[in-house]
Amino acid sequence: MTETLTNTHPYTLEILPPKAEGAAYQWAIRRSGKLVQRSDRSLTSEAKARESGMAQIEKLLSGAGDR
């Protein structure tokens, strides 16, 4: 399985599949190819990983993710 990319300008959400059978999904958010944030939890499905990652991108876009 290959990783799935979803573009949300200026961020890219990368869904990382499990490396082994029964392992969990992860996500990573990139901006201009540089890692901005990655999931801090393991997620049980690709859909849950995508939902979690998109929620974080929405926070970043609204300014709630600024530090």
N, C-alpha and C. Protein backbone atom coordinates (compact mmCIF):
# COMPACT_ATOMS: atom_id res chain seq x y z
N MET A 1 0.85 -1.18 0.00
CA MET A 1 0.00 0.00 0.00
C MET A 1 0.89 1.24 0.00
N THR A 2 0.53 2.23 -0.76
CA THR A 2 1.30 3.47 -0.80
C THR A 2 0.63 4.52 0.05
N GLU A 3 1.40 5.53 0.41
CA GLU A 3 0.82 6.60 1.21
C GLU A 3 -0.12 7.44 0.36
N THR A 4 -1.13 7.99 1.01
CA THR A 4 -2.15 8.78 0.32
C THR A 4 -1.93 10.25 0.68
N LEU A 5 -1.93 11.12 -0.34
CA LEU A 5 -1.72 12.54 -0.11
C LEU A 5 -3.00 13.32 -0.37
N THR A 6 -3.27 14.31 0.46
CA THR A 6 -4.39 15.22 0.25
C THR A 6 -3.84 16.63 0.39
N ASN A 7 -4.04 17.47 -0.63
CA ASN A 7 -3.52 18.84 -0.59
C ASN A 7 -4.55 19.80 -0.03
N THR A 8 -4.15 20.60 0.91
CA THR A 8 -4.95 21.67 1.48
C THR A 8 -4.02 22.86 1.61
N HIS A 9 -4.01 23.68 0.58
CA HIS A 9 -3.04 24.77 0.48
C HIS A 9 -3.02 25.63 1.73
N PRO A 10 -1.90 25.96 2.31
CA PRO A 10 -0.54 25.61 1.90
C PRO A 10 -0.03 24.30 2.52
N TYR A 11 -0.90 23.55 3.11
CA TYR A 11 -0.50 22.32 3.80
C TYR A 11 -0.82 21.08 2.97
N THR A 12 -0.06 20.03 3.21
CA THR A 12 -0.31 18.73 2.59
C THR A 12 -0.48 17.72 3.71
N LEU A 13 -1.58 16.99 3.65
CA LEU A 13 -1.84 15.93 4.63
C LEU A 13 -1.38 14.61 4.03
N GLU A 14 -0.53 13.93 4.73
CA GLU A 14 0.02 12.67 4.29
C GLU A 14 -0.47 11.58 5.25
N ILE A 15 -1.20 10.60 4.73
CA ILE A 15 -1.68 9.49 5.55
C ILE A 15 -0.69 8.35 5.38
N LEU A 16 -0.12 7.91 6.48
CA LEU A 16 0.90 6.86 6.45
C LEU A 16 0.26 5.53 6.85
N PRO A 17 0.30 4.56 5.96
CA PRO A 17 -0.30 3.26 6.25
C PRO A 17 0.50 2.51 7.30
N PRO A 18 -0.11 1.51 7.91
CA PRO A 18 0.61 0.69 8.89
C PRO A 18 1.78 -0.03 8.23
N LYS A 19 2.86 -0.18 8.97
CA LYS A 19 4.03 -0.87 8.43
C LYS A 19 3.90 -2.37 8.57
N ALA A 20 3.00 -2.80 9.44
CA ALA A 20 2.79 -4.24 9.65
C ALA A 20 1.30 -4.51 9.81
N GLU A 21 0.91 -5.73 9.53
CA GLU A 21 -0.49 -6.15 9.70
C GLU A 21 -0.94 -5.88 11.13
N GLY A 22 -2.08 -5.22 11.30
CA GLY A 22 -2.62 -4.94 12.62
C GLY A 22 -2.05 -3.70 13.28
N ALA A 23 -1.07 -3.06 12.64
CA ALA A 23 -0.49 -1.84 13.21
C ALA A 23 -1.42 -0.66 12.89
N ALA A 24 -1.08 0.51 13.38
CA ALA A 24 -1.97 1.68 13.26
C ALA A 24 -1.53 2.63 12.15
N TYR A 25 -2.47 3.47 11.72
CA TYR A 25 -2.21 4.53 10.75
C TYR A 25 -1.67 5.75 11.49
N GLN A 26 -0.94 6.57 10.77
CA GLN A 26 -0.41 7.83 11.27
C GLN A 26 -0.67 8.89 10.21
N TRP A 27 -0.55 10.17 10.57
CA TRP A 27 -0.62 11.24 9.58
C TRP A 27 0.53 12.20 9.81
N ALA A 28 0.86 12.95 8.76
CA ALA A 28 1.88 13.99 8.84
C ALA A 28 1.37 15.19 8.05
N ILE A 29 1.62 16.38 8.56
CA ILE A 29 1.26 17.61 7.86
C ILE A 29 2.55 18.28 7.43
N ARG A 30 2.61 18.64 6.14
CA ARG A 30 3.79 19.29 5.59
C ARG A 30 3.41 20.62 4.98
N ARG A 31 4.36 21.54 5.00
CA ARG A 31 4.21 22.84 4.35
C ARG A 31 5.47 23.05 3.53
N SER A 32 5.31 23.20 2.23
CA SER A 32 6.45 23.31 1.31
C SER A 32 7.40 22.13 1.47
N GLY A 33 6.84 20.96 1.72
CA GLY A 33 7.63 19.75 1.84
C GLY A 33 8.26 19.51 3.20
N LYS A 34 8.20 20.51 4.08
CA LYS A 34 8.81 20.38 5.41
C LYS A 34 7.76 19.95 6.42
N LEU A 35 8.15 19.02 7.26
CA LEU A 35 7.25 18.51 8.29
C LEU A 35 6.87 19.63 9.26
N VAL A 36 5.56 19.81 9.44
CA VAL A 36 5.04 20.81 10.38
C VAL A 36 4.57 20.10 11.65
N GLN A 37 3.88 18.99 11.45
CA GLN A 37 3.32 18.27 12.60
C GLN A 37 3.02 16.84 12.19
N ARG A 38 3.11 15.93 13.14
CA ARG A 38 2.70 14.55 12.88
C ARG A 38 1.81 14.08 14.01
N SER A 39 1.04 13.03 13.72
CA SER A 39 0.09 12.55 14.72
C SER A 39 0.82 12.08 15.96
N ASP A 40 0.20 12.35 17.11
CA ASP A 40 0.78 11.91 18.36
C ASP A 40 0.12 10.63 18.86
N ARG A 41 -0.89 10.18 18.11
CA ARG A 41 -1.59 8.94 18.45
C ARG A 41 -1.62 8.02 17.25
N SER A 42 -1.71 6.75 17.51
CA SER A 42 -1.91 5.77 16.46
C SER A 42 -3.41 5.65 16.23
N LEU A 43 -3.81 5.60 14.97
CA LEU A 43 -5.23 5.57 14.62
C LEU A 43 -5.56 4.24 13.94
N THR A 44 -6.75 3.73 14.23
CA THR A 44 -7.11 2.37 13.83
C THR A 44 -7.51 2.22 12.37
N SER A 45 -7.80 3.33 11.67
CA SER A 45 -8.20 3.22 10.27
C SER A 45 -7.69 4.42 9.48
N GLU A 46 -7.65 4.26 8.17
CA GLU A 46 -7.24 5.36 7.30
C GLU A 46 -8.22 6.52 7.43
N ALA A 47 -9.51 6.21 7.52
CA ALA A 47 -10.53 7.25 7.66
C ALA A 47 -10.34 8.06 8.94
N LYS A 48 -10.04 7.40 10.04
CA LYS A 48 -9.83 8.11 11.31
C LYS A 48 -8.56 8.96 11.25
N ALA A 49 -7.53 8.44 10.58
CA ALA A 49 -6.29 9.21 10.43
C ALA A 49 -6.54 10.45 9.59
N ARG A 50 -7.29 10.30 8.49
CA ARG A 50 -7.60 11.44 7.63
C ARG A 50 -8.45 12.47 8.37
N GLU A 51 -9.45 12.01 9.11
CA GLU A 51 -10.31 12.91 9.88
C GLU A 51 -9.50 13.70 10.92
N SER A 52 -8.64 13.02 11.63
CA SER A 52 -7.81 13.66 12.65
C SER A 52 -6.85 14.67 12.02
N GLY A 53 -6.21 14.28 10.93
CA GLY A 53 -5.26 15.17 10.25
C GLY A 53 -5.95 16.39 9.67
N MET A 54 -7.12 16.20 9.06
CA MET A 54 -7.85 17.33 8.49
C MET A 54 -8.31 18.29 9.58
N ALA A 55 -8.71 17.77 10.72
CA ALA A 55 -9.11 18.63 11.84
C ALA A 55 -7.93 19.49 12.28
N GLN A 56 -6.74 18.90 12.29
CA GLN A 56 -5.56 19.67 12.69
C GLN A 56 -5.21 20.73 11.65
N ILE A 57 -5.35 20.40 10.36
CA ILE A 57 -5.11 21.40 9.31
C ILE A 57 -6.10 22.55 9.44
N GLU A 58 -7.35 22.25 9.73
CA GLU A 58 -8.35 23.31 9.92
C GLU A 58 -7.94 24.24 11.06
N LYS A 59 -7.39 23.68 12.13
CA LYS A 59 -6.90 24.50 13.24
C LYS A 59 -5.75 25.38 12.78
N LEU A 60 -4.83 24.80 12.01
CA LEU A 60 -3.68 25.57 11.52
C LEU A 60 -4.14 26.70 10.59
N LEU A 61 -5.09 26.42 9.73
CA LEU A 61 -5.59 27.43 8.79
C LEU A 61 -6.35 28.55 9.51
N SER A 62 -7.01 28.22 10.62
CA SER A 62 -7.76 29.25 11.35
C SER A 62 -6.88 30.05 12.30
N GLY A 63 -5.63 29.62 12.45
CA GLY A 63 -4.72 30.32 13.34
C GLY A 63 -4.68 29.74 14.74
N ALA A 64 -5.54 28.76 15.02
CA ALA A 64 -5.57 28.14 16.35
C ALA A 64 -4.34 27.29 16.60
N GLY A 65 -3.65 26.90 15.55
CA GLY A 65 -2.46 26.05 15.71
C GLY A 65 -1.17 26.84 15.83
N ASP A 66 -1.27 28.20 15.73
CA ASP A 66 -0.07 29.03 15.86
C ASP A 66 0.48 28.95 17.27
N ARG A 67 1.78 28.97 17.34
CA ARG A 67 2.43 28.91 18.67
C ARG A 67 3.06 30.21 19.02
